[in-house]
């Protein structure tokens, strides 16, 4: 699974969206879902790109999507949901 890619899509409050891709981070006991919870407690997303760092305040973000779904989700996550348009 060394070539697995995680996609992060940020949808901003002004209607724009950005997509980022990254390799899974070093193995952590608490996983990606817990890392996202940490981001929300900091009120900022900090992304280290190849040539710069982006700091994005959470108040500018309407929603975020991560794909593929992390294997571990927090207890409050609702599972087995279908998006109906």
Protein backbone atom coordinates (compact mmCIF):
# COMPACT_ATOMS: atom_id res chain seq x y z
CA UNK A 1 0.00 0.00 0.00
CA UNK A 2 2.95 2.32 -0.42
CA UNK A 3 1.35 4.01 -3.43
CA UNK A 4 -1.98 4.72 -1.70
CA UNK A 5 -3.12 8.32 -2.10
CA UNK A 6 -5.48 10.14 0.22
CA UNK A 7 -7.57 12.93 -1.31
CA UNK A 8 -8.62 15.93 0.77
CA UNK A 9 -11.24 18.22 -0.75
CA UNK A 10 -11.92 21.53 0.98
CA UNK A 11 -15.12 23.37 0.11
CA UNK A 12 -14.93 27.00 1.13
CA UNK A 13 -17.70 29.32 2.27
CA UNK A 14 -17.27 31.43 -0.89
CA UNK A 15 -18.22 28.44 -3.07
CA UNK A 16 -14.72 27.56 -4.30
CA UNK A 17 -13.06 24.25 -3.64
CA UNK A 18 -9.53 22.86 -3.59
CA UNK A 19 -8.36 19.26 -3.77
CA UNK A 20 -5.13 18.06 -2.21
CA UNK A 21 -3.52 14.64 -2.39
CA UNK A 22 -1.04 13.12 0.02
CA UNK A 23 0.45 9.80 1.01
CA UNK A 24 -0.69 8.29 4.28
CA UNK A 25 1.24 9.89 7.13
CA UNK A 26 3.47 7.88 9.40
CA UNK A 27 1.64 5.16 11.25
CA UNK A 28 -0.13 6.67 14.20
CA UNK A 29 -2.02 4.89 16.90
CA UNK A 30 -4.99 7.19 16.71
CA UNK A 31 -5.35 7.39 12.92
CA UNK A 32 -6.57 9.96 10.42
CA UNK A 33 -10.00 10.47 12.00
CA UNK A 34 -8.40 11.54 15.28
CA UNK A 35 -6.03 13.83 13.40
CA UNK A 36 -9.08 15.57 11.90
CA UNK A 37 -10.55 16.00 15.38
CA UNK A 38 -7.24 17.63 16.40
CA UNK A 39 -7.47 20.01 13.43
CA UNK A 40 -10.94 21.12 14.51
CA UNK A 41 -9.69 21.83 18.02
CA UNK A 42 -6.94 24.08 16.57
CA UNK A 43 -9.38 26.03 14.33
CA UNK A 44 -6.88 25.89 11.46
CA UNK A 45 -5.72 23.41 8.83
CA UNK A 46 -2.02 23.60 8.11
CA UNK A 47 -0.82 21.90 4.92
CA UNK A 48 2.88 21.50 4.13
CA UNK A 49 3.11 21.63 0.33
CA UNK A 50 6.28 21.01 -1.66
CA UNK A 51 7.31 24.69 -1.76
CA UNK A 52 5.16 26.42 0.87
CA UNK A 53 2.92 26.04 3.90
CA UNK A 54 -0.79 26.85 3.74
CA UNK A 55 -2.68 27.79 6.90
CA UNK A 56 -6.43 27.81 6.31
CA UNK A 57 -8.76 29.08 9.06
CA UNK A 58 -11.65 26.70 9.66
CA UNK A 59 -14.17 29.55 9.55
CA UNK A 60 -13.41 29.75 5.80
CA UNK A 61 -14.30 26.08 5.26
CA UNK A 62 -17.85 24.93 4.67
CA UNK A 63 -16.98 21.22 4.54
CA UNK A 64 -14.15 18.79 3.94
CA UNK A 65 -14.09 15.37 2.34
CA UNK A 66 -11.49 12.65 2.69
CA UNK A 67 -11.28 9.70 0.35
CA UNK A 68 -10.85 6.83 0.79
CA UNK A 69 -12.69 6.69 4.09
CA UNK A 70 -10.35 6.18 7.06
CA UNK A 71 -10.56 2.67 8.54
CA UNK A 72 -11.14 4.09 12.03
CA UNK A 73 -13.86 6.66 12.67
CA UNK A 74 -14.74 8.46 15.88
CA UNK A 75 -17.58 7.03 17.95
CA UNK A 76 -19.94 9.88 16.98
CA UNK A 77 -19.68 9.12 13.23
CA UNK A 78 -22.84 7.80 11.59
CA UNK A 79 -21.92 4.75 9.55
CA UNK A 80 -23.35 3.09 6.42
CA UNK A 81 -24.84 6.33 5.08
CA UNK A 82 -25.91 6.78 1.43
CA UNK A 83 -25.85 10.19 -0.22
CA UNK A 84 -29.18 10.82 -1.94
CA UNK A 85 -29.42 13.68 -4.42
